N, C-alpha and C. Protein backbone atom coordinates (compact mmCIF):
# COMPACT_ATOMS: atom_id res chain seq x y z
N MET A 1 273.91 174.84 102.97
CA MET A 1 273.05 175.01 104.14
C MET A 1 273.30 173.86 105.11
N PHE A 2 273.63 174.21 106.34
CA PHE A 2 273.86 173.20 107.37
C PHE A 2 272.53 172.65 107.87
N ARG A 3 272.51 171.35 108.10
CA ARG A 3 271.32 170.67 108.62
C ARG A 3 271.60 170.26 110.06
N ILE A 4 270.75 170.75 110.95
CA ILE A 4 270.98 170.52 112.38
C ILE A 4 269.76 169.87 113.01
N LEU A 5 270.00 168.78 113.72
CA LEU A 5 268.95 168.07 114.45
C LEU A 5 268.98 168.54 115.90
N VAL A 6 267.83 168.98 116.39
CA VAL A 6 267.71 169.41 117.78
C VAL A 6 266.88 168.37 118.52
N LEU A 7 267.52 167.71 119.48
CA LEU A 7 266.87 166.66 120.25
C LEU A 7 266.55 167.16 121.66
N HIS A 8 265.31 166.96 122.05
CA HIS A 8 264.85 167.33 123.39
C HIS A 8 264.50 166.04 124.12
N GLY A 9 265.09 165.84 125.28
CA GLY A 9 264.88 164.62 126.03
C GLY A 9 263.66 164.63 126.93
N PRO A 10 263.64 163.72 127.89
CA PRO A 10 262.48 163.51 128.76
C PRO A 10 262.00 164.76 129.48
N ASN A 11 260.71 164.90 129.53
CA ASN A 11 259.99 165.94 130.26
C ASN A 11 260.08 167.34 129.66
N LEU A 12 260.84 167.50 128.59
CA LEU A 12 260.95 168.83 127.99
C LEU A 12 259.67 169.22 127.25
N ASN A 13 258.81 168.25 126.97
CA ASN A 13 257.50 168.56 126.41
C ASN A 13 256.64 169.34 127.39
N LEU A 14 257.02 169.36 128.67
CA LEU A 14 256.25 170.07 129.69
C LEU A 14 256.81 171.45 130.01
N LEU A 15 257.77 171.92 129.21
CA LEU A 15 258.31 173.26 129.46
C LEU A 15 257.20 174.29 129.43
N GLY A 16 257.31 175.27 130.28
CA GLY A 16 256.30 176.31 130.38
C GLY A 16 255.28 176.03 131.46
N GLU A 17 255.19 174.77 131.88
CA GLU A 17 254.27 174.42 132.96
C GLU A 17 254.97 173.67 134.08
N ARG A 18 256.10 173.07 133.82
CA ARG A 18 256.82 172.25 134.79
C ARG A 18 257.93 173.08 135.45
N GLU A 19 257.90 173.17 136.76
CA GLU A 19 258.95 173.85 137.53
C GLU A 19 259.41 175.14 136.86
N THR A 20 258.48 176.06 136.68
CA THR A 20 258.80 177.31 135.99
C THR A 20 259.83 178.13 136.76
N ASN A 21 259.95 177.90 138.06
CA ASN A 21 260.98 178.59 138.84
C ASN A 21 262.38 178.13 138.44
N VAL A 22 262.50 176.95 137.84
CA VAL A 22 263.79 176.43 137.39
C VAL A 22 263.96 176.58 135.89
N TYR A 23 262.92 176.22 135.12
CA TYR A 23 263.03 176.14 133.67
C TYR A 23 262.39 177.31 132.93
N GLY A 24 261.65 178.16 133.65
CA GLY A 24 261.03 179.32 133.02
C GLY A 24 259.66 179.01 132.44
N ALA A 25 259.06 180.02 131.85
CA ALA A 25 257.69 179.91 131.34
C ALA A 25 257.63 179.69 129.83
N VAL A 26 258.78 179.66 129.18
CA VAL A 26 258.81 179.47 127.73
C VAL A 26 258.51 178.00 127.41
N THR A 27 257.68 177.78 126.41
CA THR A 27 257.32 176.41 126.02
C THR A 27 258.33 175.86 125.02
N LEU A 28 258.29 174.56 124.85
CA LEU A 28 259.16 173.91 123.87
C LEU A 28 258.83 174.41 122.46
N GLU A 29 257.56 174.60 122.18
CA GLU A 29 257.14 175.10 120.86
C GLU A 29 257.72 176.48 120.60
N GLU A 30 257.77 177.32 121.64
CA GLU A 30 258.34 178.66 121.49
C GLU A 30 259.85 178.59 121.24
N ILE A 31 260.52 177.70 121.93
CA ILE A 31 261.97 177.51 121.69
C ILE A 31 262.20 177.05 120.26
N ASN A 32 261.42 176.08 119.81
CA ASN A 32 261.59 175.56 118.45
C ASN A 32 261.32 176.64 117.41
N LYS A 33 260.32 177.46 117.64
CA LYS A 33 259.98 178.54 116.70
C LYS A 33 261.14 179.53 116.61
N GLN A 34 261.68 179.91 117.76
CA GLN A 34 262.79 180.86 117.77
C GLN A 34 264.00 180.27 117.06
N LEU A 35 264.29 179.00 117.29
CA LEU A 35 265.43 178.36 116.63
C LEU A 35 265.23 178.25 115.12
N THR A 36 264.00 178.01 114.69
CA THR A 36 263.72 177.96 113.26
C THR A 36 264.03 179.30 112.61
N GLU A 37 263.58 180.38 113.25
CA GLU A 37 263.84 181.73 112.73
C GLU A 37 265.33 182.04 112.73
N GLN A 38 266.01 181.68 113.80
CA GLN A 38 267.45 181.93 113.90
C GLN A 38 268.20 181.12 112.85
N ALA A 39 267.81 179.88 112.65
CA ALA A 39 268.48 179.04 111.66
C ALA A 39 268.38 179.65 110.27
N GLU A 40 267.21 180.15 109.92
CA GLU A 40 267.03 180.79 108.62
C GLU A 40 268.00 181.95 108.45
N GLU A 41 268.16 182.76 109.49
CA GLU A 41 269.09 183.89 109.45
C GLU A 41 270.53 183.42 109.29
N LEU A 42 270.85 182.25 109.85
CA LEU A 42 272.21 181.71 109.80
C LEU A 42 272.46 180.85 108.56
N GLY A 43 271.43 180.69 107.74
CA GLY A 43 271.58 179.86 106.54
C GLY A 43 271.62 178.38 106.86
N ALA A 44 270.90 177.98 107.87
CA ALA A 44 270.85 176.57 108.28
C ALA A 44 269.40 176.12 108.33
N SER A 45 269.22 174.82 108.43
CA SER A 45 267.88 174.27 108.64
C SER A 45 267.91 173.43 109.90
N VAL A 46 266.79 173.42 110.61
CA VAL A 46 266.71 172.66 111.85
C VAL A 46 265.50 171.73 111.80
N GLU A 47 265.67 170.59 112.41
CA GLU A 47 264.58 169.64 112.60
C GLU A 47 264.55 169.31 114.08
N PHE A 48 263.36 169.12 114.62
CA PHE A 48 263.20 168.92 116.05
C PHE A 48 262.60 167.56 116.34
N PHE A 49 263.02 166.99 117.48
CA PHE A 49 262.44 165.74 117.95
C PHE A 49 262.50 165.74 119.46
N GLN A 50 261.39 165.43 120.09
CA GLN A 50 261.33 165.30 121.54
C GLN A 50 260.79 163.92 121.88
N SER A 51 261.41 163.30 122.87
CA SER A 51 260.91 162.01 123.33
C SER A 51 261.20 161.84 124.81
N ASN A 52 260.30 161.14 125.46
CA ASN A 52 260.50 160.75 126.85
C ASN A 52 261.12 159.36 126.95
N HIS A 53 261.52 158.82 125.79
CA HIS A 53 262.03 157.45 125.72
C HIS A 53 263.46 157.43 125.19
N GLU A 54 264.34 156.90 125.98
CA GLU A 54 265.76 156.84 125.64
C GLU A 54 266.00 156.18 124.28
N GLY A 55 265.36 155.05 124.04
CA GLY A 55 265.58 154.32 122.79
C GLY A 55 265.17 155.11 121.56
N GLU A 56 264.10 155.90 121.66
CA GLU A 56 263.68 156.72 120.52
C GLU A 56 264.72 157.79 120.22
N LEU A 57 265.31 158.38 121.25
CA LEU A 57 266.38 159.37 121.04
C LEU A 57 267.60 158.72 120.39
N ILE A 58 267.94 157.52 120.84
CA ILE A 58 269.07 156.80 120.26
C ILE A 58 268.79 156.48 118.80
N ASP A 59 267.59 156.03 118.48
CA ASP A 59 267.23 155.77 117.08
C ASP A 59 267.39 157.02 116.23
N LYS A 60 266.95 158.17 116.73
CA LYS A 60 267.09 159.43 115.99
C LYS A 60 268.55 159.79 115.76
N ILE A 61 269.38 159.55 116.75
CA ILE A 61 270.81 159.82 116.60
C ILE A 61 271.40 158.93 115.51
N HIS A 62 271.05 157.66 115.52
CA HIS A 62 271.55 156.76 114.48
C HIS A 62 271.09 157.20 113.10
N GLN A 63 269.83 157.59 112.98
CA GLN A 63 269.28 158.04 111.70
C GLN A 63 269.91 159.34 111.22
N ALA A 64 270.46 160.12 112.14
CA ALA A 64 271.02 161.43 111.80
C ALA A 64 272.33 161.33 111.02
N ARG A 65 272.98 160.19 111.05
CA ARG A 65 274.31 160.05 110.45
C ARG A 65 274.41 160.58 109.03
N ASP A 66 273.48 160.25 108.19
CA ASP A 66 273.55 160.64 106.78
C ASP A 66 272.66 161.82 106.44
N ARG A 67 271.94 162.34 107.42
CA ARG A 67 270.97 163.41 107.13
C ARG A 67 271.34 164.76 107.70
N PHE A 68 272.20 164.79 108.72
CA PHE A 68 272.48 166.03 109.43
C PHE A 68 273.98 166.28 109.55
N ASP A 69 274.30 167.55 109.76
CA ASP A 69 275.70 167.94 109.96
C ASP A 69 276.04 168.08 111.44
N ALA A 70 275.01 168.30 112.26
CA ALA A 70 275.24 168.51 113.69
C ALA A 70 274.00 168.14 114.48
N ILE A 71 274.21 167.89 115.76
CA ILE A 71 273.12 167.62 116.70
C ILE A 71 273.27 168.56 117.88
N ILE A 72 272.17 169.18 118.26
CA ILE A 72 272.08 169.91 119.52
C ILE A 72 271.16 169.07 120.39
N ILE A 73 271.62 168.69 121.57
CA ILE A 73 270.82 167.81 122.40
C ILE A 73 270.70 168.32 123.83
N ASN A 74 269.47 168.32 124.32
CA ASN A 74 269.20 168.51 125.73
C ASN A 74 268.72 167.15 126.23
N PRO A 75 269.61 166.37 126.82
CA PRO A 75 269.24 165.02 127.23
C PRO A 75 268.37 164.95 128.48
N GLY A 76 268.08 166.09 129.12
CA GLY A 76 267.29 166.06 130.34
C GLY A 76 268.00 165.20 131.38
N ALA A 77 267.24 164.48 132.15
CA ALA A 77 267.82 163.66 133.22
C ALA A 77 268.72 162.54 132.69
N LEU A 78 268.57 162.17 131.42
CA LEU A 78 269.44 161.15 130.83
C LEU A 78 270.90 161.59 130.83
N THR A 79 271.12 162.88 130.96
CA THR A 79 272.47 163.45 131.02
C THR A 79 273.34 162.74 132.04
N HIS A 80 272.74 162.36 133.14
CA HIS A 80 273.50 161.94 134.30
C HIS A 80 273.74 160.44 134.40
N TYR A 81 273.07 159.66 133.54
CA TYR A 81 273.24 158.22 133.70
C TYR A 81 273.11 157.41 132.41
N SER A 82 272.78 158.01 131.29
CA SER A 82 272.53 157.21 130.09
C SER A 82 273.81 156.97 129.28
N TYR A 83 274.46 155.86 129.58
CA TYR A 83 275.63 155.48 128.82
C TYR A 83 275.24 155.05 127.41
N ALA A 84 274.02 154.56 127.25
CA ALA A 84 273.55 154.18 125.92
C ALA A 84 273.43 155.41 125.02
N LEU A 85 272.90 156.49 125.55
CA LEU A 85 272.80 157.74 124.79
C LEU A 85 274.20 158.28 124.50
N ARG A 86 275.06 158.22 125.47
CA ARG A 86 276.45 158.65 125.29
C ARG A 86 277.12 157.86 124.18
N ASP A 87 276.95 156.54 124.20
CA ASP A 87 277.57 155.70 123.18
C ASP A 87 277.01 156.00 121.79
N ALA A 88 275.72 156.27 121.70
CA ALA A 88 275.11 156.60 120.40
C ALA A 88 275.71 157.90 119.86
N LEU A 89 275.84 158.90 120.71
CA LEU A 89 276.43 160.17 120.27
C LEU A 89 277.88 160.00 119.86
N SER A 90 278.58 159.17 120.59
CA SER A 90 279.99 158.91 120.29
C SER A 90 280.15 158.14 118.98
N ALA A 91 279.17 157.34 118.63
CA ALA A 91 279.27 156.47 117.45
C ALA A 91 279.05 157.20 116.13
N VAL A 92 278.36 158.34 116.17
CA VAL A 92 278.10 159.07 114.92
C VAL A 92 279.18 160.12 114.70
N SER A 93 279.54 160.35 113.47
CA SER A 93 280.58 161.33 113.15
C SER A 93 279.95 162.69 112.88
N LEU A 94 279.33 163.24 113.92
CA LEU A 94 278.67 164.53 113.80
C LEU A 94 279.15 165.46 114.90
N LEU A 95 279.08 166.72 114.63
CA LEU A 95 279.30 167.73 115.65
C LEU A 95 278.11 167.67 116.61
N VAL A 96 278.36 167.58 117.92
CA VAL A 96 277.29 167.50 118.91
C VAL A 96 277.55 168.53 120.00
N ILE A 97 276.48 169.27 120.35
CA ILE A 97 276.54 170.24 121.44
C ILE A 97 275.45 169.88 122.44
N GLU A 98 275.84 169.78 123.70
CA GLU A 98 274.91 169.48 124.80
C GLU A 98 274.38 170.78 125.37
N VAL A 99 273.08 170.81 125.64
CA VAL A 99 272.42 172.02 126.11
C VAL A 99 271.58 171.72 127.36
N HIS A 100 271.57 172.68 128.27
CA HIS A 100 270.68 172.61 129.44
C HIS A 100 270.14 174.01 129.71
N LEU A 101 268.86 174.08 130.02
CA LEU A 101 268.25 175.37 130.34
C LEU A 101 268.76 175.90 131.68
N SER A 102 268.85 175.03 132.67
CA SER A 102 269.31 175.43 133.99
C SER A 102 270.81 175.16 134.11
N ASN A 103 271.42 175.78 135.12
CA ASN A 103 272.82 175.51 135.40
C ASN A 103 272.88 174.24 136.23
N ILE A 104 273.19 173.13 135.58
CA ILE A 104 273.17 171.84 136.26
C ILE A 104 274.19 171.77 137.40
N TYR A 105 275.20 172.64 137.38
CA TYR A 105 276.24 172.63 138.41
C TYR A 105 275.83 173.45 139.64
N ALA A 106 274.72 174.16 139.55
CA ALA A 106 274.22 174.94 140.68
C ALA A 106 272.99 174.29 141.31
N ARG A 107 272.73 173.07 140.90
CA ARG A 107 271.54 172.36 141.39
C ARG A 107 271.96 171.19 142.29
N GLU A 108 271.10 170.20 142.41
CA GLU A 108 271.40 169.03 143.26
C GLU A 108 272.71 168.38 142.80
N GLU A 109 273.42 167.84 143.77
CA GLU A 109 274.74 167.27 143.48
C GLU A 109 274.69 166.20 142.40
N TRP A 110 273.65 165.38 142.36
CA TRP A 110 273.58 164.31 141.37
C TRP A 110 273.49 164.85 139.95
N ARG A 111 273.10 166.10 139.79
CA ARG A 111 273.04 166.71 138.46
C ARG A 111 274.38 167.26 137.98
N HIS A 112 275.36 167.30 138.83
CA HIS A 112 276.64 167.91 138.50
C HIS A 112 277.47 167.10 137.50
N ARG A 113 277.14 165.85 137.32
CA ARG A 113 277.93 164.99 136.43
C ARG A 113 277.15 164.70 135.16
N SER A 114 277.78 164.96 134.04
CA SER A 114 277.21 164.61 132.74
C SER A 114 278.04 163.49 132.13
N VAL A 115 277.40 162.37 131.84
CA VAL A 115 278.12 161.29 131.15
C VAL A 115 278.17 161.59 129.65
N ILE A 116 277.41 162.60 129.21
CA ILE A 116 277.37 163.00 127.80
C ILE A 116 278.54 163.92 127.45
N ALA A 117 278.90 164.81 128.36
CA ALA A 117 279.88 165.86 128.09
C ALA A 117 281.20 165.37 127.48
N PRO A 118 281.76 164.24 127.92
CA PRO A 118 283.04 163.83 127.35
C PRO A 118 283.02 163.47 125.86
N VAL A 119 281.83 163.25 125.28
CA VAL A 119 281.79 162.83 123.88
C VAL A 119 281.18 163.89 122.96
N VAL A 120 280.98 165.12 123.48
CA VAL A 120 280.43 166.18 122.65
C VAL A 120 281.45 167.30 122.50
N GLN A 121 281.21 168.16 121.51
CA GLN A 121 282.11 169.29 121.28
C GLN A 121 282.13 170.24 122.47
N GLY A 122 280.95 170.50 123.03
CA GLY A 122 280.87 171.41 124.16
C GLY A 122 279.51 171.35 124.81
N GLN A 123 279.40 172.05 125.93
CA GLN A 123 278.17 172.07 126.71
C GLN A 123 277.82 173.51 127.05
N ILE A 124 276.54 173.85 126.89
CA ILE A 124 276.05 175.18 127.25
C ILE A 124 274.91 174.98 128.24
N SER A 125 275.03 175.58 129.42
CA SER A 125 273.99 175.40 130.43
C SER A 125 273.79 176.68 131.23
N GLY A 126 272.57 176.84 131.72
CA GLY A 126 272.28 177.90 132.65
C GLY A 126 271.71 179.18 132.07
N PHE A 127 271.47 179.23 130.79
CA PHE A 127 271.00 180.46 130.16
C PHE A 127 269.56 180.39 129.70
N GLY A 128 268.79 179.44 130.23
CA GLY A 128 267.41 179.29 129.81
C GLY A 128 267.34 179.01 128.31
N PRO A 129 266.31 179.50 127.65
CA PRO A 129 266.17 179.26 126.22
C PRO A 129 267.35 179.78 125.39
N LEU A 130 268.05 180.77 125.93
CA LEU A 130 269.23 181.29 125.24
C LEU A 130 270.30 180.21 125.07
N SER A 131 270.31 179.20 125.94
CA SER A 131 271.27 178.11 125.80
C SER A 131 271.15 177.45 124.43
N TYR A 132 269.92 177.24 123.97
CA TYR A 132 269.70 176.65 122.66
C TYR A 132 270.19 177.58 121.55
N SER A 133 269.90 178.85 121.69
CA SER A 133 270.31 179.83 120.69
C SER A 133 271.83 179.91 120.58
N LEU A 134 272.49 179.91 121.72
CA LEU A 134 273.95 179.93 121.73
C LEU A 134 274.52 178.66 121.08
N ALA A 135 273.87 177.54 121.35
CA ALA A 135 274.32 176.28 120.75
C ALA A 135 274.16 176.29 119.24
N LEU A 136 273.06 176.84 118.76
CA LEU A 136 272.84 176.91 117.31
C LEU A 136 273.89 177.81 116.66
N THR A 137 274.16 178.94 117.26
CA THR A 137 275.21 179.83 116.74
C THR A 137 276.55 179.12 116.73
N ALA A 138 276.88 178.47 117.83
CA ALA A 138 278.16 177.75 117.92
C ALA A 138 278.24 176.65 116.87
N ALA A 139 277.16 175.88 116.71
CA ALA A 139 277.18 174.79 115.73
C ALA A 139 277.45 175.33 114.32
N CYS A 140 276.77 176.39 113.95
CA CYS A 140 276.96 176.96 112.61
C CYS A 140 278.38 177.48 112.43
N GLU A 141 278.90 178.16 113.44
CA GLU A 141 280.27 178.68 113.34
C GLU A 141 281.28 177.54 113.25
N LEU A 142 281.11 176.53 114.06
CA LEU A 142 282.04 175.40 114.03
C LEU A 142 281.96 174.64 112.71
N LEU A 143 280.76 174.50 112.17
CA LEU A 143 280.61 173.82 110.88
C LEU A 143 281.27 174.63 109.77
N LYS A 144 281.17 175.95 109.84
CA LYS A 144 281.85 176.80 108.86
C LYS A 144 283.35 176.59 108.91
N GLU A 145 283.87 176.38 110.12
CA GLU A 145 285.30 176.15 110.30
C GLU A 145 285.70 174.73 109.92
N GLY A 146 284.73 173.89 109.63
CA GLY A 146 285.04 172.53 109.21
C GLY A 146 285.07 171.50 110.31
N ALA A 147 284.61 171.87 111.51
CA ALA A 147 284.59 170.91 112.61
C ALA A 147 283.57 169.84 112.32
N LYS A 148 283.89 168.61 112.63
CA LYS A 148 282.96 167.51 112.42
C LYS A 148 282.54 166.90 113.75
N GLN A 149 283.48 166.53 114.54
CA GLN A 149 283.19 165.88 115.80
C GLN A 149 284.29 166.20 116.80
N ARG A 150 284.02 165.89 118.05
CA ARG A 150 284.99 166.12 119.13
C ARG A 150 286.23 165.31 118.89
């Protein structure tokens, strides 16, 4: 059974009420519930962590080294400037997939650059909550194939 850590970055605790025209009406709890059910079907287990604090996310990444096979991360706004988060992801020997609910390339220009993307296996953006589901499917398939890290 694959163990997958799902990290939700800043402001994702407000999903369902924050900018629903961009992020939709689905809550973080609903996303987590759907991923839990999907993981069971895929023969995987998922653990979730959300924080509005960069250092807490980095600590979770460090702790994941010996406990998880993969990380799915939505870094939120940290995507665009957190070299510390990037370095933490690069330092662990885990499969990592970056996720975004919105299409970051169709939004404000400053959102078009991800400092995270170069150190992860891949990025899925623009499909709303389905982005997480696609990432979970991809992580399980890649782990079956023996992928570890980028």
